[in-house]
Each structure stands twice: as C-alpha cells, then as structure tokens.
Amino acid sequence: MEKFDLISKKLNRFIPGSIFGLLSITFGFLGDLIAYLMYPGYDFTKRTVSSLCMGPGGLFFQIGTVFSGIFAFFFVIYLGSTFKREEVSEKLRKSAVILAIISCVCFIFLGAFCGSNPIIALIHGVFSIVSLQAGLFYITLFNILFLKDSKYPKSMACFGFLVSFILLLLMILFYLHLLPTLSFLMIILPSLEWINAIGMIFWYLIISLYMIYKKI
C-alpha cells in the first residue's frame, strides 16, 4: 500500500489527483455517447450498456471504457491516500483501495474484450461481474471512510450509499434472473444498469469537484 501512496504523491506533483476522476467520467461518457449516436435504434430499456460495442461506434465505446478505467485506477489510489490515518482504520482504507484497483483493472479489460465472439463475450462477462462486485464493496467502504474522516461531508457518504444500493440491487437481480423461474427479471436489468452507470458518474463527479474545491 505504501507503494501506491508513493505513486499517488508523485503523480499529484504533475496532475492533481482529483483531475483523474474528471478524466475518467469524461472519457467514459464521450465513448458511450458517440457509440450511442452511431447505433441506430438503440433502446436504453432493452439493451445493456456493453451492447454499445456491438454497434458501428463500438470502437469508441471500447476506447472510452479503457481510458475511463485507467484514469479511475489512478483516481481511487489518490482518493485512498487522502484519508487521515488518525481518523480512519488503516485496514479499512487498504481494503477499499485494493478492491477499487481490482474493479478498475477489470473495467479496463471488459472494455478491451467486448464483441459478439463467444469467447470474447465470455471474457467480457467475467470481467464485468468481477468489476461490479468489487465496485459494490469499494464504493461502500469509501463511503464509510467519508463518514469517519472530518474533511469529507456526511452528505457525500449518503449519496454514495444510494449508489451502493443501486449496484447491490443490480447484482441481486442479475443472479436471480439466472434461475429459470425468474428469467423474466432480465427485462429490468438494462434500465437498472444504465441507472447504475449514471449513479457512478455522479459519484465520481461529486467527489472530484469537492476535492478540487477544497484543494484536497
């Protein structure tokens, strides 16, 4: 963990760590937007976020996702280094950062491996599930850290727990829809996945802007 903190400090000398959060959502949003605009007849209620890679603008989705994950990787490392050691549990901080790194790395790979080929689709699916599950845990842990660290407002944690709840609901419904009797739940998943994506964007945005405003 000390190595990650050192990397964070070195990068912060050139680029404020909070900027990585803004870069992450910017690349992710632009990649999705361009892919959506190039996808005729795309329906948010029927198609998942990842299905954008199947359209004519799929490459933009993949590039946006990969770069979004790379910038998110550096952002979560920096975010983890900002918590006061005397106010938060070091074990909790390390767990949050490690899970965040796992989620971001998997997010990068799910963007790189995306397509209709069965093997590629399987790889994409595995990385997607791991990224989401690790994401649920790291976002929740960071929210707990926000509650404990006096430099962060409690309202930030409250919004974060809402994002965690949406992600938890998404994961529960995903696993339930695998049961033959509950396969109809698939109808809900695309819309819920988009709601989760929007929630994540705002979570990163709020934290990044607050860090910039407070010069954290």
C-alpha atoms as a PDB file:
ATOM      1  CA  MET A   1       0.000   0.000   0.000  1.00  0.00           C
ATOM      2  CA  GLU A   2       2.920   2.342   0.701  1.00  0.00           C
ATOM      3  CA  LYS A   3       3.997   1.959  -2.943  1.00  0.00           C
ATOM      4  CA  PHE A   4       0.561   3.055  -4.147  1.00  0.00           C
ATOM      5  CA  ASP A   5       0.638   6.057  -1.804  1.00  0.00           C
ATOM      6  CA  LEU A   6       4.073   6.983  -3.170  1.00  0.00           C
ATOM      7  CA  ILE A   7       2.837   6.709  -6.769  1.00  0.00           C
ATOM      8  CA  SER A   8      -0.111   8.900  -5.849  1.00  0.00           C
ATOM      9  CA  LYS A   9       2.114  11.597  -4.343  1.00  0.00           C
ATOM     10  CA  LYS A  10       4.431  11.616  -7.371  1.00  0.00           C
ATOM     11  CA  LEU A  11       1.544  11.913  -9.842  1.00  0.00           C
ATOM     12  CA  ASN A  12      -0.069  14.651  -7.782  1.00  0.00           C
ATOM     13  CA  ARG A  13       3.026  16.804  -8.346  1.00  0.00           C
ATOM     14  CA  PHE A  14       2.167  16.974 -12.043  1.00  0.00           C
ATOM     15  CA  ILE A  15      -1.603  16.465 -12.121  1.00  0.00           C
ATOM     16  CA  PRO A  16      -3.955  16.925  -9.141  1.00  0.00           C
ATOM     17  CA  GLY A  17      -5.370  13.508  -8.228  1.00  0.00           C
ATOM     18  CA  SER A  18      -8.922  14.822  -8.406  1.00  0.00           C
ATOM     19  CA  ILE A  19      -8.476  15.560 -12.131  1.00  0.00           C
ATOM     20  CA  PHE A  20      -8.176  11.835 -12.822  1.00  0.00           C
ATOM     21  CA  GLY A  21     -11.752  11.408 -11.610  1.00  0.00           C
ATOM     22  CA  LEU A  22     -12.996  14.018 -14.080  1.00  0.00           C
ATOM     23  CA  LEU A  23     -10.947  12.476 -16.885  1.00  0.00           C
ATOM     24  CA  SER A  24     -12.412   9.061 -16.093  1.00  0.00           C
ATOM     25  CA  ILE A  25     -16.035  10.144 -16.394  1.00  0.00           C
ATOM     26  CA  THR A  26     -15.286  12.374 -19.409  1.00  0.00           C
ATOM     27  CA  PHE A  27     -13.744   9.569 -21.460  1.00  0.00           C
ATOM     28  CA  GLY A  28     -16.380   7.078 -20.342  1.00  0.00           C
ATOM     29  CA  PHE A  29     -19.247   9.450 -21.132  1.00  0.00           C
ATOM     30  CA  LEU A  30     -17.894  10.520 -24.527  1.00  0.00           C
ATOM     31  CA  GLY A  31     -17.218   6.918 -25.543  1.00  0.00           C
ATOM     32  CA  ASP A  32     -20.761   5.881 -24.632  1.00  0.00           C
ATOM     33  CA  LEU A  33     -22.305   8.966 -26.255  1.00  0.00           C
ATOM     34  CA  ILE A  34     -20.519   8.563 -29.595  1.00  0.00           C
ATOM     35  CA  ALA A  35     -21.277   4.833 -29.669  1.00  0.00           C
ATOM     36  CA  TYR A  36     -24.939   5.557 -28.872  1.00  0.00           C
ATOM     37  CA  LEU A  37     -25.275   8.233 -31.572  1.00  0.00           C
ATOM     38  CA  MET A  38     -23.843   5.796 -34.130  1.00  0.00           C
ATOM     39  CA  TYR A  39     -26.136   2.936 -33.028  1.00  0.00           C
ATOM     40  CA  PRO A  40     -29.442   3.099 -34.958  1.00  0.00           C
ATOM     41  CA  GLY A  41     -32.494   2.167 -32.916  1.00  0.00           C
ATOM     42  CA  TYR A  42     -30.650   1.718 -29.622  1.00  0.00           C
ATOM     43  CA  ASP A  43     -33.123   1.308 -26.746  1.00  0.00           C
ATOM     44  CA  PHE A  44     -31.927   2.007 -23.185  1.00  0.00           C
ATOM     45  CA  THR A  45     -34.689  -0.170 -21.734  1.00  0.00           C
ATOM     46  CA  LYS A  46     -33.827  -3.224 -23.818  1.00  0.00           C
ATOM     47  CA  ARG A  47     -30.081  -3.114 -24.361  1.00  0.00           C
ATOM     48  CA  THR A  48     -27.279  -3.179 -21.798  1.00  0.00           C
ATOM     49  CA  VAL A  49     -24.515  -0.588 -21.674  1.00  0.00           C
ATOM     50  CA  SER A  50     -21.979  -3.047 -23.070  1.00  0.00           C
ATOM     51  CA  SER A  51     -24.128  -3.769 -26.130  1.00  0.00           C
ATOM     52  CA  LEU A  52     -22.941  -0.399 -27.465  1.00  0.00           C
ATOM     53  CA  CYS A  53     -19.748  -2.173 -28.515  1.00  0.00           C
ATOM     54  CA  MET A  54     -21.814  -4.202 -30.990  1.00  0.00           C
ATOM     55  CA  GLY A  55     -22.818  -1.128 -32.967  1.00  0.00           C
ATOM     56  CA  PRO A  56     -20.965   0.860 -35.648  1.00  0.00           C
ATOM     57  CA  GLY A  57     -19.379   3.012 -32.944  1.00  0.00           C
ATOM     58  CA  GLY A  58     -18.282   0.089 -30.823  1.00  0.00           C
ATOM     59  CA  LEU A  59     -14.620   1.063 -31.019  1.00  0.00           C
ATOM     60  CA  PHE A  60     -15.406   4.421 -29.395  1.00  0.00           C
ATOM     61  CA  PHE A  61     -17.177   2.620 -26.561  1.00  0.00           C
ATOM     62  CA  GLN A  62     -14.159   0.373 -26.040  1.00  0.00           C
ATOM     63  CA  ILE A  63     -11.611   3.203 -26.156  1.00  0.00           C
ATOM     64  CA  GLY A  64     -13.725   5.320 -23.807  1.00  0.00           C
ATOM     65  CA  THR A  65     -14.148   2.444 -21.364  1.00  0.00           C
ATOM     66  CA  VAL A  66     -10.450   1.520 -21.348  1.00  0.00           C
ATOM     67  CA  PHE A  67      -9.270   5.082 -20.749  1.00  0.00           C
ATOM     68  CA  SER A  68     -12.040   5.639 -18.207  1.00  0.00           C
ATOM     69  CA  GLY A  69     -10.784   2.627 -16.263  1.00  0.00           C
ATOM     70  CA  ILE A  70      -7.164   3.761 -16.472  1.00  0.00           C
ATOM     71  CA  PHE A  71      -7.942   7.216 -15.101  1.00  0.00           C
ATOM     72  CA  ALA A  72     -10.256   5.716 -12.472  1.00  0.00           C
ATOM     73  CA  PHE A  73      -7.360   3.482 -11.388  1.00  0.00           C
ATOM     74  CA  PHE A  74      -5.176   6.494 -10.585  1.00  0.00           C
ATOM     75  CA  PHE A  75      -8.097   8.381  -9.043  1.00  0.00           C
ATOM     76  CA  VAL A  76      -9.020   5.710  -6.486  1.00  0.00           C
ATOM     77  CA  ILE A  77      -5.375   5.335  -5.469  1.00  0.00           C
ATOM     78  CA  TYR A  78      -5.168   9.072  -4.862  1.00  0.00           C
ATOM     79  CA  LEU A  79      -8.532   9.154  -3.076  1.00  0.00           C
ATOM     80  CA  GLY A  80      -7.371   6.411  -0.741  1.00  0.00           C
ATOM     81  CA  SER A  81      -4.272   8.405   0.168  1.00  0.00           C
ATOM     82  CA  THR A  82      -6.273  11.457   1.283  1.00  0.00           C
ATOM     83  CA  PHE A  83      -7.836   9.944   4.397  1.00  0.00           C
ATOM     84  CA  LYS A  84      -6.402  10.927   7.760  1.00  0.00           C
ATOM     85  CA  ARG A  85      -4.624   7.976   9.357  1.00  0.00           C
ATOM     86  CA  GLU A  86      -5.630   9.139  12.852  1.00  0.00           C
ATOM     87  CA  GLU A  87      -9.349   9.156  11.962  1.00  0.00           C
ATOM     88  CA  VAL A  88      -9.840   6.065   9.813  1.00  0.00           C
ATOM     89  CA  SER A  89      -8.891   2.419  10.080  1.00  0.00           C
ATOM     90  CA  GLU A  90      -5.794   1.629   8.025  1.00  0.00           C
ATOM     91  CA  LYS A  91      -7.164  -1.848   7.335  1.00  0.00           C
ATOM     92  CA  LEU A  92     -10.403  -0.364   6.029  1.00  0.00           C
ATOM     93  CA  ARG A  93      -8.513   2.124   3.859  1.00  0.00           C
ATOM     94  CA  LYS A  94      -6.286  -0.570   2.365  1.00  0.00           C
ATOM     95  CA  SER A  95      -9.261  -2.836   1.682  1.00  0.00           C
ATOM     96  CA  ALA A  96     -11.111  -0.027  -0.104  1.00  0.00           C
ATOM     97  CA  VAL A  97      -8.118   0.803  -2.310  1.00  0.00           C
ATOM     98  CA  ILE A  98      -7.318  -2.826  -3.173  1.00  0.00           C
ATOM     99  CA  LEU A  99     -10.937  -3.582  -4.118  1.00  0.00           C
ATOM    100  CA  ALA A 100     -11.093  -0.352  -6.119  1.00  0.00           C
ATOM    101  CA  ILE A 101      -7.956  -1.327  -8.037  1.00  0.00           C
ATOM    102  CA  ILE A 102      -9.409  -4.759  -8.812  1.00  0.00           C
ATOM    103  CA  SER A 103     -12.649  -3.164 -10.024  1.00  0.00           C
ATOM    104  CA  CYS A 104     -10.839  -0.619 -12.216  1.00  0.00           C
ATOM    105  CA  VAL A 105      -8.485  -3.179 -13.767  1.00  0.00           C
ATOM    106  CA  CYS A 106     -11.422  -5.455 -14.591  1.00  0.00           C
ATOM    107  CA  PHE A 107     -13.259  -2.450 -16.029  1.00  0.00           C
ATOM    108  CA  ILE A 108     -10.325  -1.799 -18.357  1.00  0.00           C
ATOM    109  CA  PHE A 109     -10.360  -5.409 -19.561  1.00  0.00           C
ATOM    110  CA  LEU A 110     -14.141  -5.556 -20.032  1.00  0.00           C
ATOM    111  CA  GLY A 111     -13.725  -2.596 -22.352  1.00  0.00           C
ATOM    112  CA  ALA A 112     -10.872  -4.220 -24.233  1.00  0.00           C
ATOM    113  CA  PHE A 113     -12.705  -7.551 -24.565  1.00  0.00           C
ATOM    114  CA  CYS A 114     -16.099  -6.735 -25.993  1.00  0.00           C
ATOM    115  CA  GLY A 115     -17.785  -8.262 -29.025  1.00  0.00           C
ATOM    116  CA  SER A 116     -20.083 -10.941 -30.410  1.00  0.00           C
ATOM    117  CA  ASN A 117     -17.452 -13.688 -30.488  1.00  0.00           C
ATOM    118  CA  PRO A 118     -18.495 -16.273 -27.820  1.00  0.00           C
ATOM    119  CA  ILE A 119     -15.055 -16.434 -26.203  1.00  0.00           C
ATOM    120  CA  ILE A 120     -14.662 -12.640 -26.184  1.00  0.00           C
ATOM    121  CA  ALA A 121     -18.201 -12.293 -24.804  1.00  0.00           C
ATOM    122  CA  LEU A 122     -17.400 -14.779 -22.016  1.00  0.00           C
ATOM    123  CA  ILE A 123     -14.211 -12.922 -21.064  1.00  0.00           C
ATOM    124  CA  HIS A 124     -16.136  -9.650 -21.118  1.00  0.00           C
ATOM    125  CA  GLY A 125     -18.862 -11.112 -18.906  1.00  0.00           C
ATOM    126  CA  VAL A 126     -16.428 -12.435 -16.297  1.00  0.00           C
ATOM    127  CA  PHE A 127     -14.555  -9.123 -16.040  1.00  0.00           C
ATOM    128  CA  SER A 128     -17.858  -7.262 -15.906  1.00  0.00           C
ATOM    129  CA  ILE A 129     -19.179  -9.319 -12.979  1.00  0.00           C
ATOM    130  CA  VAL A 130     -15.917  -9.050 -11.029  1.00  0.00           C
ATOM    131  CA  SER A 131     -15.730  -5.300 -11.676  1.00  0.00           C
ATOM    132  CA  LEU A 132     -19.293  -4.759 -10.474  1.00  0.00           C
ATOM    133  CA  GLN A 133     -18.912  -6.894  -7.352  1.00  0.00           C
ATOM    134  CA  ALA A 134     -15.610  -5.312  -6.378  1.00  0.00           C
ATOM    135  CA  GLY A 135     -17.180  -1.957  -7.200  1.00  0.00           C
ATOM    136  CA  LEU A 136     -20.011  -2.565  -4.765  1.00  0.00           C
ATOM    137  CA  PHE A 137     -17.559  -3.253  -1.955  1.00  0.00           C
ATOM    138  CA  TYR A 138     -15.075  -0.459  -2.654  1.00  0.00           C
ATOM    139  CA  ILE A 139     -17.740   2.210  -3.054  1.00  0.00           C
ATOM    140  CA  THR A 140     -19.351   1.116   0.205  1.00  0.00           C
ATOM    141  CA  LEU A 141     -16.002   1.115   2.028  1.00  0.00           C
ATOM    142  CA  PHE A 142     -15.101   4.556   0.689  1.00  0.00           C
ATOM    143  CA  ASN A 143     -18.482   5.820   1.893  1.00  0.00           C
ATOM    144  CA  ILE A 144     -17.706   4.518   5.374  1.00  0.00           C
ATOM    145  CA  LEU A 145     -14.342   6.294   5.215  1.00  0.00           C
ATOM    146  CA  PHE A 146     -16.134   9.522   4.221  1.00  0.00           C
ATOM    147  CA  LEU A 147     -18.252   9.210   7.366  1.00  0.00           C
ATOM    148  CA  LYS A 148     -15.192   8.806   9.564  1.00  0.00           C
ATOM    149  CA  ASP A 149     -12.914  11.448   8.014  1.00  0.00           C
ATOM    150  CA  SER A 150     -13.767  15.001   9.109  1.00  0.00           C
ATOM    151  CA  LYS A 151     -12.544  16.578   5.862  1.00  0.00           C
ATOM    152  CA  TYR A 152     -15.402  14.987   3.903  1.00  0.00           C
ATOM    153  CA  PRO A 153     -19.104  15.909   4.323  1.00  0.00           C
ATOM    154  CA  LYS A 154     -21.547  13.262   5.541  1.00  0.00           C
ATOM    155  CA  SER A 155     -23.853  14.080   2.604  1.00  0.00           C
ATOM    156  CA  MET A 156     -21.214  12.676   0.229  1.00  0.00           C
ATOM    157  CA  ALA A 157     -21.368   9.344   2.037  1.00  0.00           C
ATOM    158  CA  CYS A 158     -25.182   9.360   1.992  1.00  0.00           C
ATOM    159  CA  PHE A 159     -25.244   9.784  -1.782  1.00  0.00           C
ATOM    160  CA  GLY A 160     -22.574   7.120  -2.074  1.00  0.00           C
ATOM    161  CA  PHE A 161     -24.678   4.635  -0.123  1.00  0.00           C
ATOM    162  CA  LEU A 162     -27.513   5.270  -2.583  1.00  0.00           C
ATOM    163  CA  VAL A 163     -25.143   4.323  -5.414  1.00  0.00           C
ATOM    164  CA  SER A 164     -24.112   1.219  -3.447  1.00  0.00           C
ATOM    165  CA  PHE A 165     -27.769   0.253  -3.013  1.00  0.00           C
ATOM    166  CA  ILE A 166     -28.456   0.556  -6.749  1.00  0.00           C
ATOM    167  CA  LEU A 167     -25.399  -1.565  -7.506  1.00  0.00           C
ATOM    168  CA  LEU A 168     -26.424  -4.142  -4.903  1.00  0.00           C
ATOM    169  CA  LEU A 169     -29.914  -4.322  -6.402  1.00  0.00           C
ATOM    170  CA  LEU A 170     -28.410  -4.774  -9.864  1.00  0.00           C
ATOM    171  CA  MET A 171     -26.221  -7.654  -8.688  1.00  0.00           C
ATOM    172  CA  ILE A 172     -29.070  -9.378  -6.829  1.00  0.00           C
ATOM    173  CA  LEU A 173     -31.432  -9.191  -9.805  1.00  0.00           C
ATOM    174  CA  PHE A 174     -28.669 -10.352 -12.143  1.00  0.00           C
ATOM    175  CA  TYR A 175     -28.081 -13.532 -10.158  1.00  0.00           C
ATOM    176  CA  LEU A 176     -31.809 -14.118  -9.650  1.00  0.00           C
ATOM    177  CA  HIS A 177     -32.534 -13.857 -13.379  1.00  0.00           C
ATOM    178  CA  LEU A 178     -30.232 -16.851 -13.935  1.00  0.00           C
ATOM    179  CA  LEU A 179     -32.885 -19.026 -12.282  1.00  0.00           C
ATOM    180  CA  PRO A 180     -35.308 -20.407 -14.898  1.00  0.00           C
ATOM    181  CA  THR A 181     -38.385 -19.291 -12.951  1.00  0.00           C
ATOM    182  CA  LEU A 182     -37.053 -15.729 -12.594  1.00  0.00           C
ATOM    183  CA  SER A 183     -35.584 -15.237 -16.069  1.00  0.00           C
ATOM    184  CA  PHE A 184     -38.204 -12.531 -16.714  1.00  0.00           C
ATOM    185  CA  LEU A 185     -36.143 -10.213 -14.489  1.00  0.00           C
ATOM    186  CA  MET A 186     -33.861  -9.718 -17.488  1.00  0.00           C
ATOM    187  CA  ILE A 187     -36.387  -7.116 -18.643  1.00  0.00           C
ATOM    188  CA  ILE A 188     -35.360  -4.842 -15.751  1.00  0.00           C
ATOM    189  CA  LEU A 189     -31.578  -5.262 -15.954  1.00  0.00           C
ATOM    190  CA  PRO A 190     -30.727  -2.966 -18.912  1.00  0.00           C
ATOM    191  CA  SER A 191     -32.510   0.046 -17.388  1.00  0.00           C
ATOM    192  CA  LEU A 192     -31.058  -0.666 -13.956  1.00  0.00           C
ATOM    193  CA  GLU A 193     -27.564  -0.998 -15.429  1.00  0.00           C
ATOM    194  CA  TRP A 194     -27.900   2.437 -17.019  1.00  0.00           C
ATOM    195  CA  ILE A 195     -29.167   3.921 -13.741  1.00  0.00           C
ATOM    196  CA  ASN A 196     -26.134   2.412 -12.024  1.00  0.00           C
ATOM    197  CA  ALA A 197     -23.785   3.854 -14.674  1.00  0.00           C
ATOM    198  CA  ILE A 198     -25.290   7.322 -14.212  1.00  0.00           C
ATOM    199  CA  GLY A 199     -25.040   6.981 -10.431  1.00  0.00           C
ATOM    200  CA  MET A 200     -21.351   6.067 -10.712  1.00  0.00           C
ATOM    201  CA  ILE A 201     -20.702   9.066 -12.947  1.00  0.00           C
ATOM    202  CA  PHE A 202     -22.239  11.437 -10.410  1.00  0.00           C
ATOM    203  CA  TRP A 203     -20.383   9.741  -7.525  1.00  0.00           C
ATOM    204  CA  TYR A 204     -17.043  10.323  -9.239  1.00  0.00           C
ATOM    205  CA  LEU A 205     -18.093  13.830 -10.282  1.00  0.00           C
ATOM    206  CA  ILE A 206     -19.193  14.947  -6.819  1.00  0.00           C
ATOM    207  CA  ILE A 207     -16.049  13.615  -5.146  1.00  0.00           C
ATOM    208  CA  SER A 208     -13.734  15.091  -7.786  1.00  0.00           C
ATOM    209  CA  LEU A 209     -15.350  18.541  -7.703  1.00  0.00           C
ATOM    210  CA  TYR A 210     -15.368  18.595  -3.906  1.00  0.00           C
ATOM    211  CA  MET A 211     -11.669  17.682  -3.803  1.00  0.00           C
ATOM    212  CA  ILE A 212     -10.886  20.436  -6.307  1.00  0.00           C
ATOM    213  CA  TYR A 213     -12.965  22.984  -4.358  1.00  0.00           C
ATOM    214  CA  LYS A 214     -11.346  22.067  -1.034  1.00  0.00           C
ATOM    215  CA  LYS A 215      -7.915  21.578  -2.629  1.00  0.00           C
ATOM    216  CA  ILE A 216      -7.597  18.097  -1.171  1.00  0.00           C
END
